[in-house]
Amino acid sequence: MKKLLLALIIGLLFCPVNYGQSFQFKADDIDIAYKKYTLENGLTLLVYEDHKAPIAAVNVWYHVGSKNEKPGKSGFAHLFEHLMFNGSENYNTDYFQALESIGGTDLNGTTNTDRTNYFQNVPVSALDQVLFLESDRMGHLLGAIDQAKLDEQRGVVQNEKRQGENQPYGMQWDYLTKAMYPKGHPYSWTVIGEMEDLNAASLEDVQDWFKSYYGAANAVVAVAGDIDAEEVHQKVIKYFGDIPSGPTVERQEVNIPNKVNDSRQVYEDRVPETRVLFAWNTPQFGSREDLHFDLISSILTSGKNSRLYQKFIYQDQSASAAVSFQSSSEIASEFITWVNVKQGQDPAKLEKELWAEIDKFIKEGPTEEELKRAKASYFSGFIKGMERIGGFGGISDILASNQTYHKDPAYYKTTLKYVEEATIADLKNTAAKWLSKGKHILICNPFPEYGIVESSVDRSKLPELGPQKNSKFPELQRTQLSNGLNVILAQRKGVPTIVINLVADAGYKTDYLSSPGTAKLAMNLMDEGTKDKDALEINEQLQLLGASLNTFSSQDESNVYMTTLKPSLDASLDLFLDVVLNPVFPEKEFERLRDEQINDIKQEKSQPITMALRVMNKYLYGEDHPYSSPYTGTGYEDTVSKLTRDDVVDFYNTWFKPNNSTIIVTGDVEMNELKSKLEKTLGKWKKGDVPKITFNAPKTDSKNTLYLMNRPESQQSVILAGHLTEKYGDVSEIALEQMVNILGGDFTSRINMNLREDKHWSYGAGGFVIGSKEARPFIVYAPVQTDKTAESVTEIRKEISEFTSTRPATKEELEKVKTNQVLKLPGQWETNSSVNSSVRNLVRYNLPDDYYQTYDQSVRNLSVDDIKQVSNQVVKPEKINWFMVGDRAEIINKLDALGFDNIVEIDADGNPKNPAVKPIETDIKN
């Protein structure tokens, strides 16, 4: 990293930045200084030291995925991944519970066709415990798995499958997998598998799978963070060294199907638009041509200057989405592209036009500027990922994946070199070789000798936590420009990224004074052109600078948000300020984005979760309230269709004033330098009067009412239940956070453990309090399988009622969530964007600057009485209203018997259907 930054800084000194300049990224300038160890049992250990935050990332990869399954056993790799979280022989307790208790963050496990990985970030004091837990389930798992656990996780996985297939276009991947690979090919079944195969999985299957693939020699452990490499090496020997290597694993050779002729497939789904998709078989992951396709994809659909965006969204406005990507896998890959056809457009015409664009690329290749943008974007994404030690794209992930797939942690240098060396001719030749035929339209080396070392680990208990390090939240520096604009700097030295966020006190609530959907449309349009630059020129400069810029609203705020790299800060800041001060809201872009927002509304009205979120506020607040519009902020089709360009200009002129805004900067910047730059530009911004929004009391007169939206043939019902509670600050917010974590916020919360882990009716359920300045909704949510809808309502009622009566929060529950909250704080602020977000929270709720420095002690001081008090203030079982999206014909009979005061059937805009209200008393079945 230091070498890369030095090269970029030297380049800046001798060549000042301007908008037309691009940086010449070099693979040789990027280096990850890892250390590699191989244990006697074959386990590979990779260590990377990063001392910017007192956390460690542990990433464990097993070289096994769905392609290792046998026919008739599909989905087993993914099912086994779930089982790995349910306890091991020497710690037979839920793994999420263990990690929550030690402050784990960015915690999960994933499975794909080729590998299974498990990862988490923890305070460095908890490193021994994580290594114990990971080694215990690698070497000591089978004795903890019984039929009950298998049945439990089988139900969870099946609900995950239902949830995925219940989404619009959800069956696409199943069709595509079967079409692209002949029967028997290792990629000819989906990772999540078939229902009948999951039902057939037995305990014997579990044991065979574990013995076959979860040996030490088939695993890579990557540890990154505030650690010492040799110390970690000794710890890994201590915990993992006695684990057997496992049997020889047969590696499958590259197997790319030779698809000569085009094929075609048509299916139906409940979606608002036709999707035209092309897919080709392409080279394996990590090959030179695989990287070529990453660049081709970027040229086709990354950014507003991309070819398919230009053609279908910007110019013709015939599609609402244009997507392409290289789906890379170990023995074969797929290149996929699609467009979503807007209503009223001819899908056959767009299919021909999509092929014409691909064919043009095959014949002509990219331009020099397109190739430069694509390379800059690729290197920028890689560098930004290096800021994080864990998670997808972080340091530990990079090292583990390259070792697993290529037997070389530094193979990333090879792929970066492939990108750097790619020429116009290379991309043209690769496209011609692989895309000119066979598209689908949706249309052995001896195994080394290993041994083990004698273990000294006492596995009857977890290792003690090491000494805890304090979380690091930067001191905030504040100033104010001459025009009243507040400036807050969170300085973090040595970090290569910089985040700039201008926050205006506006947001969706301002639609109360205008029309629903105005704030969202205005902010979407704000970065579409300035006095000197159009949208394409802005996008071009962002790509060349390695920056990104977004303009958007939330319920209470409107934001202009940029992430960039330190070497290109000056030019990036100039562009940022141009967007803030000189937006022109061009008429042609207004019409396009207004149509897109109407299309977004149609999309929301087809997706179960957003269907409920759109109508919830209307019935919780009443219609005459600043928060009563759809929570998504998109508004309604009729209100958005009537908006004019003058409406969005009025929004900007009304709310974007320096005295109504705060600019938050996070990164390696000096305050005096920053203020000087801002005073010369934003200092000229004229302040003015800003309207005051009056928050009248919510006008609601319903309780225990079910608002039902019919979605025929839904495999799941989405349930939301809730009521309004006090505005921010009227209750103890720290106590409220922990109360919510116990009831529904954490993975091991009461509601999730009930509906997911105990009943297996849901892939995930929980609760939360929506953040807003005024009265806020307390919500419980649960997507559940259709035939358990009524039963789930009963369980939710029980959990909420007992929480404030017979089964309040316990001391044990409070200690668990308190410990989790405090210990995960160090990893909470790893990136500049996360720090910036926390500062924005301070501004939004007028919190003191030292809030996060004292936060951990405030949490530690919480008592059970504090939780009980806030529970009685916030959780009101008798006030709850219910919102449900599901197949009315399948669920209504059981719902009638649940004792709702009323069942009101509403449409996707929240309007009651006739008869508007259905009395329940006459339908109760004794």
Foldseek 3Di string as FASTA:
>chain_A
DVQQVVVLQVVCVVPPDDLVFFDQDALVSDDFPWDWDAFQQQFIEIEGEDEQFQKKKKKKKFFAAQLPDDPLQAQVRVLLQVLLQQAFDLGRHGNQLVCLLQQKDLFDWDGALTMIMTMIMFRNLCVQLVLQSVLRSLATHLVNDDPLSLVQSLLLLVQVLQQQCLAVCSCVVQVVQCVQDDPPRSSNGGRNGDNSSSVPDDSVNSVVVSQATSFNSRMYIYMYYNDDVVVVVVSNLQNNQFTHRHDDDDDDAQDFDDQFAEAFAADDDLFDWDKKKKKWKAAAPLDLLLLLLLLVQCQQFPFCNHVVNVPCQQPVNQFLDWGWDWQHHQRIIMTMIMTTGDPPDDPVVVNVVVVVVLVCCLVQFDDPLSLSLSLLLVVLLLLQQCLACDDPSYLRNQQRVCCNRPVGSPSVSVSNNSSSPDDRVNSNVSSNVIVVHRMYIVTDDDDDDGDGDDHPDDSNDRDDRGDGDAADFAFWDWDAFPQQAIEIERERPPRFKKKKKKKFFDAQLVCLVPHQQLQFLLQQLLCQDFPVGGNVSLRSSCSSQSKDWGWGGALGITMTMMMGTPSSVVNVVVSSLRSLPTGDSDQSVSVSSLVSLQVVLSSLQSGQVSLQQQQVLCQQQPDNFSRNGRNVRSGHNVRSVPDHSVSSVCVSVQTSFSNRIYMYMYYNDDPVVVNVVCCVRVVVGHGDDHDDDDGDGGDHDDALEEAEEADAPRQWKKKKKKHWAFFPPPAPVLLVVLLQCQCFNRCPHPLNCVCSSPVSFFSGWGWDWDHDRGTIITMTITTGGLLCVLVSVVVVLVSLVCCLPVPHDDPVSLSSSLSNVRRNSSVQPSDRVSSRVVVVVCVRHVNDSCCVVCVNVVSVPDDSVSNNVVSVRGRDSRGMYMYMYYNCVRHVLSVLQNDRQWYFYARSNNHTDPVGTDGSPVRHDD
